[in-house]
Amino acid sequence: MDAIEKSINDLIVLFNDYLWGYILIILLIFAGFYFTFFSKFLQFRLFGEMFKVIGEEAVEQSGKRGTNAFQAFSISIASRVGTGNLAGVALAVAIGGPGAVFWMWMIALIGMATAFIESTLAQVYKVPDRNGFRGGPAYYMERALGQRWMGVLFSILITVTFGLVFNAVQANTISGAVEKAFNISDWITGVVLVLLAAIIIFGGIKRIAVVSGTIVPIMATIYIVVALIVVIMNFSAVPEVFGLIFSEAFNSLNQLFGGAIGAALMQGIKRGLFSNEAGMGSAPNAAATAGVSHPAKQGLVQSLAVFFDTIVICSLTAFIIILYGDYSSNTEEGIQLTQSALSAQLGDWATIFLAVTIFLFAFSSVIGNYYYGESNIDFLKNNKTWRMVYRIAVLGMVLFGSLAKIDVVWNMADLFMALMAIVNLIAILLLSKIAFAILNDYTRQKKEGKDPTFHVDNFSWLKNVEWWGAQDKKK
């Protein structure tokens, strides 16, 4: 069995190396530059606007209110911000060196435009449901492209990847961190996680939004403060850190011109894409839940989420690792390297602090990932039985992940996520003109001094839109 498992794992790794090393990275970079150019660099010219719209309350229309902008932001951040920000960044720096951080920044900056496009489309084609709204790539694939098969394929991929496999991975990370810091049995941690997750996911999107909106700001603020303390303690070394990041980044670029892909370039791109999820098609499921007056508002909010995830949180983790100085020769990997780096700066208590932080980061990811799966289960077949089966499966995977060694499962998740991203990127490239038109409508109204609003009648060429005034015609 071990030999068969190893063979399967080796085959999956081979596919991952091809998909991530060539097809997906090229497609994501092309899409990022394409969306950036044709949106007239929206992530830079509308950066201040992102902070204005994130604080807006949900707008009630036809008895539906949805989540507010910040809650939708928190749901997407709950999924984006996880162990990758602490463990993945450490791995990127250990393998690719400080130069990997620069390429993470570059990918995040162009990814902000991609995030705007996919989340704006999710808002345009959202549909009302029992809790408010739902939507995402599957919905705009069916409604805008007229390709239900594509939506079904995407729904299956994201449900398996985020709803099941990623939740097992997050639970595994939590149990490992808790066992190391507190010497608590994996079984106990697993049962507690299942109970906590059950309370939240059986409460629906409103409870998920409230919990995410509470946990995410608290955990992010505490982690940012602690990381900033480390940076301030080593303030004199900050110029040297920036120097390392830029010099090694361009060494990698020189390698690229020489015909080889440098480790810093590859690791920065892969970990940056993995962390902020821009173009993956996951965050649009959260974006669709928001009750906003104009689709572009949630597009801007989700663009800001990419910035917050990578430019803020990932950068702080990277600074801690680089200041540690032992990242290249250290035998520890991932979260253990981050723990050692933080403990070296702040003392042994940092190990416990990071275990608690990992618990909050990863648990928020569990509930964020769960919702992405539920939204797509409803797309496939909207009934209580399917949702119940899915919820039980999620809880089962949480328990399984708490107990298991899941290298094969993690590699399978990478494979499913790559396939999911390819399907979504093809769709949003084909539909990008719709998002550009929505953006132009938003900026025009802003120039006129208005609080932008959207009505489908002003876009007569839009087909199969169920909300934005279309619902009133059915009455």
Protein backbone atom coordinates (compact mmCIF):
# COMPACT_ATOMS: atom_id res chain seq x y z
CA MET A 1 0.00 0.00 0.00
CA ASP A 2 2.85 2.39 0.83
CA ALA A 3 4.39 1.77 -2.59
CA ILE A 4 1.05 2.43 -4.33
CA GLU A 5 0.50 5.57 -2.23
CA LYS A 6 3.99 6.81 -3.12
CA SER A 7 3.41 6.16 -6.82
CA ILE A 8 0.12 8.07 -6.73
CA ASN A 9 1.76 10.92 -4.84
CA ASP A 10 4.67 11.07 -7.31
CA LEU A 11 2.21 11.24 -10.23
CA ILE A 12 0.24 14.03 -8.56
CA VAL A 13 3.46 15.97 -7.87
CA LEU A 14 4.43 15.58 -11.54
CA PHE A 15 1.10 17.05 -12.66
CA ASN A 16 1.42 19.85 -10.09
CA ASP A 17 4.91 20.76 -11.26
CA TYR A 18 3.64 21.06 -14.84
CA LEU A 19 0.42 22.93 -14.03
CA TRP A 20 1.91 25.31 -11.45
CA GLY A 21 5.30 25.69 -13.11
CA TYR A 22 4.01 26.52 -16.57
CA ILE A 23 0.30 26.75 -17.44
CA LEU A 24 -1.15 28.34 -14.31
CA ILE A 25 1.62 30.83 -13.59
CA ILE A 26 1.71 32.05 -17.19
CA LEU A 27 -2.08 32.34 -17.30
CA LEU A 28 -2.29 34.18 -13.98
CA ILE A 29 0.46 36.65 -14.88
CA PHE A 30 -1.03 37.30 -18.31
CA ALA A 31 -4.50 37.83 -16.83
CA GLY A 32 -3.13 40.12 -14.11
CA PHE A 33 -1.36 42.39 -16.59
CA TYR A 34 -4.30 42.30 -19.00
CA PHE A 35 -6.81 43.32 -16.32
CA THR A 36 -4.44 45.94 -14.92
CA PHE A 37 -3.88 47.61 -18.30
CA PHE A 38 -7.49 47.62 -19.53
CA SER A 39 -8.86 48.76 -16.16
CA LYS A 40 -6.43 51.68 -16.37
CA PHE A 41 -4.50 50.49 -13.32
CA LEU A 42 -7.54 50.53 -11.04
CA GLN A 43 -5.62 49.05 -8.07
CA PHE A 44 -3.52 52.20 -7.90
CA ARG A 45 -5.89 54.99 -8.97
CA LEU A 46 -8.77 53.70 -6.81
CA PHE A 47 -6.72 52.51 -3.84
CA GLY A 48 -8.14 55.18 -1.52
CA GLU A 49 -11.67 54.36 -2.67
CA MET A 50 -11.23 50.79 -1.41
CA PHE A 51 -11.00 52.02 2.17
CA LYS A 52 -14.12 54.17 1.74
CA VAL A 53 -16.40 51.40 0.49
CA ILE A 54 -15.26 48.74 2.97
CA GLY A 55 -17.09 50.50 5.81
CA GLU A 56 -20.47 50.76 4.06
CA GLU A 57 -23.49 49.05 5.55
CA ALA A 58 -25.50 46.51 3.59
CA VAL A 59 -28.17 47.94 1.30
CA GLU A 60 -31.64 46.43 1.54
CA GLN A 61 -33.43 45.80 -1.74
CA SER A 62 -36.72 43.93 -2.22
CA GLY A 63 -36.49 42.58 1.33
CA LYS A 64 -32.95 41.22 0.86
CA ARG A 65 -30.04 42.71 2.73
CA GLY A 66 -27.09 40.33 2.50
CA THR A 67 -23.85 40.80 4.41
CA ASN A 68 -22.21 44.20 4.68
CA ALA A 69 -19.01 45.04 2.82
CA PHE A 70 -16.74 44.38 5.79
CA GLN A 71 -18.34 41.01 6.56
CA ALA A 72 -17.87 39.86 2.95
CA PHE A 73 -14.28 41.11 3.19
CA SER A 74 -13.81 39.13 6.40
CA ILE A 75 -15.21 35.90 4.92
CA SER A 76 -12.75 36.11 2.02
CA ILE A 77 -9.87 37.08 4.33
CA ALA A 78 -10.81 34.18 6.61
CA SER A 79 -10.12 31.83 3.72
CA ARG A 80 -7.15 33.73 2.29
CA VAL A 81 -5.33 34.32 5.57
CA GLY A 82 -4.30 30.95 6.94
CA THR A 83 -1.28 28.82 7.52
CA GLY A 84 0.13 29.90 4.15
CA ASN A 85 0.80 33.38 5.51
CA LEU A 86 2.92 32.00 8.34
CA ALA A 87 4.19 28.65 7.05
CA GLY A 88 4.11 29.19 3.28
CA VAL A 89 6.06 32.44 3.41
CA ALA A 90 8.71 30.83 5.60
CA LEU A 91 9.04 28.03 3.07
CA ALA A 92 9.32 30.52 0.19
CA VAL A 93 12.13 32.45 1.91
CA ALA A 94 13.93 29.25 2.96
CA ILE A 95 13.93 27.90 -0.60
CA GLY A 96 13.99 31.05 -2.72
CA GLY A 97 15.74 33.46 -0.38
CA PRO A 98 14.66 37.05 0.41
CA GLY A 99 14.16 37.78 -3.29
CA ALA A 100 11.00 35.67 -3.21
CA VAL A 101 9.32 38.43 -1.19
CA PHE A 102 9.70 40.95 -4.04
CA TRP A 103 7.97 38.62 -6.48
CA MET A 104 5.20 38.01 -3.95
CA TRP A 105 4.65 41.77 -3.92
CA MET A 106 4.57 41.99 -7.71
CA ILE A 107 2.08 39.13 -8.03
CA ALA A 108 -0.16 40.70 -5.38
CA LEU A 109 -0.17 44.09 -7.09
CA ILE A 110 -1.31 42.73 -10.46
CA GLY A 111 -3.53 40.20 -8.69
CA MET A 112 -5.52 43.06 -7.17
CA ALA A 113 -6.91 43.80 -10.64
CA THR A 114 -7.79 40.13 -11.18
CA ALA A 115 -9.59 40.05 -7.83
CA PHE A 116 -11.63 43.10 -8.85
CA ILE A 117 -12.76 41.49 -12.11
CA GLU A 118 -13.88 38.15 -10.66
CA SER A 119 -15.61 39.68 -7.62
CA THR A 120 -17.43 42.33 -9.66
CA LEU A 121 -18.73 39.62 -11.98
CA ALA A 122 -19.86 37.61 -8.94
CA GLN A 123 -21.88 40.61 -7.75
CA VAL A 124 -23.52 41.20 -11.13
CA TYR A 125 -24.68 37.59 -11.41
CA LYS A 126 -25.51 36.89 -7.76
CA VAL A 127 -28.89 35.36 -6.89
CA PRO A 128 -31.10 35.75 -3.80
CA ASP A 129 -31.31 32.81 -1.40
CA ARG A 130 -32.66 31.98 2.06
CA ASN A 131 -29.87 33.90 3.83
CA GLY A 132 -29.47 36.85 1.48
CA PHE A 133 -27.39 36.23 -1.63
CA ARG A 134 -25.08 33.65 -3.11
CA GLY A 135 -22.99 33.54 -6.26
CA GLY A 136 -19.50 33.08 -7.64
CA PRO A 137 -17.75 31.71 -10.72
CA ALA A 138 -20.21 28.85 -11.27
CA TYR A 139 -23.02 31.39 -11.49
CA TYR A 140 -21.36 33.71 -14.01
CA MET A 141 -20.17 30.73 -16.05
CA GLU A 142 -23.77 29.56 -16.41
CA ARG A 143 -25.52 32.93 -16.69
CA ALA A 144 -23.02 35.09 -18.60
CA LEU A 145 -21.24 32.45 -20.70
CA GLY A 146 -24.25 30.13 -21.00
CA GLN A 147 -22.09 27.15 -20.08
CA ARG A 148 -23.67 25.26 -17.18
CA TRP A 149 -21.27 22.34 -17.64
CA MET A 150 -18.41 24.72 -16.89
CA GLY A 151 -20.17 25.93 -13.76
CA VAL A 152 -20.80 22.35 -12.64
CA LEU A 153 -17.14 21.46 -13.18
CA PHE A 154 -16.00 24.50 -11.20
CA SER A 155 -18.47 23.79 -8.39
CA ILE A 156 -17.15 20.25 -7.98
CA LEU A 157 -13.54 21.42 -8.02
CA ILE A 158 -13.98 24.19 -5.43
CA THR A 159 -16.17 22.05 -3.15
CA VAL A 160 -13.58 19.26 -3.04
CA THR A 161 -10.61 21.64 -2.79
CA PHE A 162 -11.83 24.18 -0.25
CA GLY A 163 -14.79 22.55 1.45
CA LEU A 164 -13.14 19.18 2.09
CA VAL A 165 -9.41 18.87 1.43
CA PHE A 166 -8.25 22.32 2.54
CA ASN A 167 -10.25 22.00 5.74
CA ALA A 168 -8.46 18.74 6.50
CA VAL A 169 -5.13 20.49 5.95
CA GLN A 170 -6.07 23.42 8.19
CA ALA A 171 -7.26 21.05 10.94
CA ASN A 172 -4.01 19.12 10.66
CA THR A 173 -2.00 22.32 11.12
CA ILE A 174 -4.06 23.31 14.16
CA SER A 175 -3.67 19.93 15.88
CA GLY A 176 0.07 19.91 15.23
CA ALA A 177 0.58 23.40 16.64
CA VAL A 178 -1.60 22.71 19.69
CA GLU A 179 0.14 19.41 20.40
CA LYS A 180 3.58 21.03 20.25
CA ALA A 181 2.68 24.03 22.40
CA PHE A 182 0.33 22.43 24.95
CA ASN A 183 0.92 18.66 24.61
CA ILE A 184 -2.78 18.07 23.96
CA SER A 185 -3.85 14.88 22.16
CA ASP A 186 -4.79 15.16 18.48
CA TRP A 187 -8.06 13.38 19.27
CA ILE A 188 -9.08 16.02 21.81
CA THR A 189 -8.18 18.84 19.44
CA GLY A 190 -10.06 17.16 16.61
CA VAL A 191 -13.27 16.68 18.61
CA VAL A 192 -13.17 20.29 19.86
CA LEU A 193 -12.65 21.56 16.31
CA VAL A 194 -15.59 19.50 15.04
CA LEU A 195 -17.87 20.85 17.77
CA LEU A 196 -16.84 24.47 17.20
CA ALA A 197 -17.14 24.13 13.43
CA ALA A 198 -20.58 22.49 13.73
CA ILE A 199 -21.94 25.34 15.86
CA ILE A 200 -20.91 27.85 13.22
CA ILE A 201 -21.66 26.09 9.94
CA PHE A 202 -25.13 24.97 11.05
CA GLY A 203 -25.86 28.61 11.80
CA GLY A 204 -25.67 29.65 8.14
CA ILE A 205 -23.91 32.49 6.33
CA LYS A 206 -25.00 35.13 8.86
CA ARG A 207 -23.25 33.32 11.69
CA ILE A 208 -20.22 32.64 9.49
CA ALA A 209 -20.06 36.35 8.63
CA VAL A 210 -20.35 37.41 12.28
CA VAL A 211 -17.68 34.97 13.46
CA SER A 212 -15.32 35.86 10.60
CA GLY A 213 -15.95 39.55 11.18
CA THR A 214 -14.94 39.08 14.82
CA ILE A 215 -12.04 36.62 14.63
CA VAL A 216 -10.28 38.00 11.55
CA PRO A 217 -9.78 41.62 12.72
CA ILE A 218 -8.69 40.52 16.22
CA MET A 219 -6.20 37.87 15.12
CA ALA A 220 -4.83 39.98 12.29
CA THR A 221 -4.38 43.02 14.53
CA ILE A 222 -2.58 41.06 17.25
CA TYR A 223 -0.28 39.34 14.77
CA ILE A 224 0.50 42.61 12.98
CA VAL A 225 1.30 44.35 16.29
CA VAL A 226 3.64 41.53 17.40
CA ALA A 227 5.36 41.45 14.00
CA LEU A 228 5.76 45.23 14.02
CA ILE A 229 7.36 45.02 17.47
CA VAL A 230 9.95 42.64 16.01
CA VAL A 231 10.57 45.03 13.11
CA ILE A 232 10.92 48.02 15.47
CA MET A 233 13.30 46.06 17.70
CA ASN A 234 15.47 45.55 14.63
CA PHE A 235 14.78 48.90 12.97
CA SER A 236 18.42 49.53 12.11
CA ALA A 237 18.48 46.30 10.09
CA VAL A 238 15.38 47.17 8.01
CA PRO A 239 17.34 48.89 5.18
CA GLU A 240 19.52 45.79 4.92
CA VAL A 241 16.41 43.58 4.71
CA PHE A 242 15.02 45.66 1.85
CA GLY A 243 18.41 45.54 0.18
CA LEU A 244 18.46 41.75 0.33
CA ILE A 245 14.91 41.50 -1.02
CA PHE A 246 15.63 43.71 -4.04
CA SER A 247 19.13 42.46 -4.84
CA GLU A 248 18.20 38.77 -4.72
CA ALA A 249 15.00 39.41 -6.66
CA PHE A 250 16.93 40.84 -9.58
CA ASN A 251 19.54 38.11 -9.37
CA SER A 252 16.64 35.74 -10.02
CA LEU A 253 15.53 37.93 -12.94
CA ASN A 254 19.02 37.70 -14.42
CA GLN A 255 18.74 33.93 -14.18
CA LEU A 256 15.44 34.11 -16.06
CA PHE A 257 17.03 36.08 -18.91
CA GLY A 258 19.74 33.43 -18.93
CA GLY A 259 17.16 30.74 -19.60
CA ALA A 260 16.61 29.42 -16.06
CA ILE A 261 13.78 30.18 -13.66
CA GLY A 262 15.36 31.41 -10.42
CA ALA A 263 14.24 29.94 -7.11
CA ALA A 264 13.28 33.37 -5.75
CA LEU A 265 11.12 34.13 -8.79
CA MET A 266 9.37 30.75 -8.77
CA GLN A 267 8.80 30.59 -5.02
CA GLY A 268 7.61 34.19 -4.84
CA ILE A 269 5.09 33.68 -7.62
CA LYS A 270 3.81 30.32 -6.35
CA ARG A 271 3.47 31.33 -2.70
CA GLY A 272 2.03 34.72 -3.59
CA LEU A 273 -0.65 33.16 -5.77
CA PHE A 274 -1.34 30.46 -3.20
CA SER A 275 -1.77 33.01 -0.41
CA ASN A 276 -3.91 35.76 -1.96
CA GLU A 277 -5.98 33.46 -4.25
CA ALA A 278 -6.46 36.20 -6.87
CA GLY A 279 -7.96 34.51 -9.92
CA MET A 280 -8.59 31.22 -8.15
CA GLY A 281 -12.33 31.78 -8.07
CA SER A 282 -12.71 31.33 -4.32
CA ALA A 283 -13.17 34.91 -3.04
CA PRO A 284 -15.99 35.74 -5.52
CA ASN A 285 -18.20 33.35 -3.54
CA ALA A 286 -17.80 35.66 -0.53
CA ALA A 287 -18.09 38.81 -2.64
CA ALA A 288 -21.49 37.71 -3.94
CA THR A 289 -22.98 37.64 -0.43
CA ALA A 290 -22.64 41.41 0.04
CA GLY A 291 -25.61 43.75 -0.24
CA VAL A 292 -24.06 46.75 -2.00
CA SER A 293 -25.49 49.51 -4.18
CA HIS A 294 -23.05 48.85 -7.03
CA PRO A 295 -21.14 45.66 -8.03
CA ALA A 296 -17.84 47.53 -8.37
CA LYS A 297 -17.86 48.33 -4.65
CA GLN A 298 -17.35 44.70 -3.69
CA GLY A 299 -14.80 44.34 -6.47
CA LEU A 300 -12.79 47.11 -4.81
CA VAL A 301 -13.20 45.51 -1.38
CA GLN A 302 -11.86 42.17 -2.59
CA SER A 303 -8.99 43.90 -4.37
CA LEU A 304 -8.05 45.41 -1.01
CA ALA A 305 -8.20 41.92 0.54
CA VAL A 306 -5.38 40.79 -1.78
CA PHE A 307 -3.29 43.78 -0.69
CA PHE A 308 -3.96 43.10 2.99
CA ASP A 309 -3.16 39.40 2.70
CA THR A 310 0.13 39.62 0.82
CA ILE A 311 1.56 43.13 1.11
CA VAL A 312 0.76 43.39 4.84
CA ILE A 313 0.61 39.99 6.55
CA CYS A 314 2.91 37.96 4.29
CA SER A 315 5.48 40.77 4.28
CA LEU A 316 5.58 40.93 8.07
CA THR A 317 6.14 37.18 8.30
CA ALA A 318 8.90 37.44 5.70
CA PHE A 319 10.59 40.23 7.67
CA ILE A 320 10.61 38.07 10.81
CA ILE A 321 12.18 35.17 8.89
CA ILE A 322 14.82 37.34 7.18
CA LEU A 323 15.74 39.09 10.44
CA TYR A 324 16.21 35.64 11.97
CA GLY A 325 19.06 35.14 9.52
CA ASP A 326 19.16 31.33 9.74
CA TYR A 327 16.51 30.64 7.14
CA SER A 328 18.76 29.01 4.53
CA SER A 329 20.68 26.56 6.71
CA ASN A 330 17.93 25.78 9.23
CA THR A 331 16.54 22.25 8.91
CA GLU A 332 13.09 23.32 10.14
CA GLU A 333 10.38 23.98 7.59
CA GLY A 334 7.23 26.03 7.38
CA ILE A 335 5.58 26.93 10.64
CA GLN A 336 8.43 25.51 12.75
CA LEU A 337 10.84 27.95 11.10
CA THR A 338 8.46 30.84 11.80
CA GLN A 339 8.16 29.71 15.43
CA SER A 340 11.93 29.58 15.82
CA ALA A 341 12.38 32.99 14.20
CA LEU A 342 9.76 34.62 16.43
CA SER A 343 11.05 32.88 19.58
CA ALA A 344 14.58 34.08 18.83
CA GLN A 345 13.27 37.66 18.91
CA LEU A 346 10.70 37.53 21.72
CA GLY A 347 11.45 34.46 23.84
CA ASP A 348 9.90 31.01 24.30
CA TRP A 349 6.40 32.40 24.91
CA ALA A 350 6.27 33.17 21.18
CA THR A 351 5.85 29.44 20.46
CA ILE A 352 2.58 29.40 22.43
CA PHE A 353 1.51 32.73 20.93
CA LEU A 354 2.05 31.38 17.43
CA ALA A 355 0.12 28.20 18.26
CA VAL A 356 -2.86 30.32 19.33
CA THR A 357 -2.46 32.52 16.25
CA ILE A 358 -2.33 29.47 13.98
CA PHE A 359 -5.47 28.13 15.67
CA LEU A 360 -7.37 31.35 14.94
CA PHE A 361 -5.99 31.79 11.42
CA ALA A 362 -6.64 28.19 10.45
CA PHE A 363 -10.03 27.91 12.16
CA SER A 364 -11.26 31.04 10.39
CA SER A 365 -10.07 29.42 7.16
CA VAL A 366 -12.11 26.30 7.98
CA ILE A 367 -15.36 28.25 8.21
CA GLY A 368 -14.51 30.45 5.21
CA ASN A 369 -13.66 27.39 3.13
CA TYR A 370 -16.85 25.69 4.28
CA TYR A 371 -19.00 28.50 2.92
CA TYR A 372 -17.36 28.35 -0.51
CA GLY A 373 -18.36 24.71 -0.74
CA GLU A 374 -21.91 25.32 0.49
CA SER A 375 -22.51 28.06 -2.06
CA ASN A 376 -21.48 25.70 -4.84
CA ILE A 377 -23.43 22.75 -3.44
CA ASP A 378 -26.50 24.99 -3.73
CA PHE A 379 -25.56 25.69 -7.35
CA LEU A 380 -25.44 21.96 -8.12
CA LYS A 381 -28.66 21.08 -6.28
CA ASN A 382 -30.36 23.44 -3.88
CA ASN A 383 -31.91 21.22 -1.23
CA LYS A 384 -31.49 20.50 2.47
CA THR A 385 -30.37 16.88 2.06
CA TRP A 386 -27.36 17.79 -0.08
CA ARG A 387 -26.38 20.55 2.34
CA MET A 388 -26.65 18.17 5.29
CA VAL A 389 -24.49 15.53 3.57
CA TYR A 390 -21.93 18.21 2.74
CA ARG A 391 -21.85 19.53 6.31
CA ILE A 392 -21.30 16.05 7.73
CA ALA A 393 -18.54 15.46 5.17
CA VAL A 394 -16.82 18.71 6.17
CA LEU A 395 -16.91 17.80 9.86
CA GLY A 396 -15.59 14.34 9.02
CA MET A 397 -12.68 15.86 7.08
CA VAL A 398 -11.91 18.22 9.97
CA LEU A 399 -11.62 15.24 12.32
CA PHE A 400 -9.64 13.25 9.75
CA GLY A 401 -7.26 16.15 9.20
CA SER A 402 -6.67 16.53 12.93
CA LEU A 403 -5.41 12.95 13.14
CA ALA A 404 -3.82 12.14 9.80
CA LYS A 405 -0.58 12.65 7.94
CA ILE A 406 -1.87 14.07 4.72
CA ASP A 407 0.97 14.77 2.29
CA VAL A 408 -0.93 13.09 -0.53
CA VAL A 409 -4.12 14.97 0.29
CA TRP A 410 -2.27 18.31 0.32
CA ASN A 411 -0.76 17.57 -3.09
CA MET A 412 -4.20 16.59 -4.37
CA ALA A 413 -5.51 19.94 -3.10
CA ASP A 414 -2.82 21.74 -5.10
CA LEU A 415 -3.88 19.78 -8.19
CA PHE A 416 -7.59 20.54 -7.75
CA MET A 417 -6.86 24.20 -7.02
CA ALA A 418 -4.76 24.53 -10.17
CA LEU A 419 -7.57 23.04 -12.27
CA MET A 420 -10.11 25.28 -10.52
CA ALA A 421 -8.04 28.40 -11.23
CA ILE A 422 -7.55 27.52 -14.91
CA VAL A 423 -11.31 27.11 -15.41
CA ASN A 424 -12.05 30.41 -13.62
CA LEU A 425 -9.35 32.41 -15.41
CA ILE A 426 -10.63 31.33 -18.81
CA ALA A 427 -14.12 32.46 -17.81
CA ILE A 428 -13.15 35.90 -16.45
CA LEU A 429 -10.90 36.62 -19.44
CA LEU A 430 -13.91 35.97 -21.69
CA LEU A 431 -16.20 38.09 -19.49
CA SER A 432 -13.78 40.90 -18.61
CA LYS A 433 -15.51 43.46 -20.87
CA ILE A 434 -18.56 43.29 -18.60
CA ALA A 435 -16.45 44.11 -15.54
CA PHE A 436 -14.69 46.95 -17.39
CA ALA A 437 -18.09 48.43 -18.31
CA ILE A 438 -19.26 48.17 -14.68
CA LEU A 439 -16.06 49.89 -13.53
CA ASN A 440 -16.50 52.73 -16.04
CA ASP A 441 -20.09 53.20 -14.83
CA TYR A 442 -18.87 53.40 -11.23
CA THR A 443 -16.11 55.94 -11.91
CA ARG A 444 -18.46 58.06 -14.05
CA GLN A 445 -20.96 58.35 -11.22
CA LYS A 446 -18.17 59.15 -8.74
CA LYS A 447 -16.99 62.01 -10.97
CA GLU A 448 -20.57 63.33 -10.99
CA GLY A 449 -20.45 63.43 -7.18
CA LYS A 450 -22.91 60.56 -6.72
CA ASP A 451 -22.87 57.51 -4.48
CA PRO A 452 -22.82 54.99 -7.36
CA THR A 453 -25.85 52.77 -7.84
CA PHE A 454 -26.45 50.06 -10.41
CA HIS A 455 -29.59 49.06 -12.30
CA VAL A 456 -29.70 46.36 -14.95
CA ASP A 457 -31.94 48.51 -17.22
CA ASN A 458 -28.96 50.79 -17.86
CA PHE A 459 -27.14 47.81 -19.35
CA SER A 460 -29.68 46.38 -21.77
CA TRP A 461 -27.08 44.09 -23.32
CA LEU A 462 -26.58 42.21 -20.03
CA LYS A 463 -28.39 38.87 -20.11
CA ASN A 464 -29.59 36.49 -17.38
CA VAL A 465 -29.12 38.94 -14.50
CA GLU A 466 -31.49 37.95 -11.69
CA TRP A 467 -30.93 40.91 -9.32
CA TRP A 468 -30.21 44.65 -9.68
CA GLY A 469 -33.79 45.58 -10.59
CA ALA A 470 -34.50 42.47 -12.65
CA GLN A 471 -36.28 40.94 -9.64
CA ASP A 472 -38.86 43.75 -9.62
CA LYS A 473 -40.00 42.88 -13.15
CA LYS A 474 -40.97 39.38 -12.04
CA LYS A 475 -43.49 40.62 -9.48
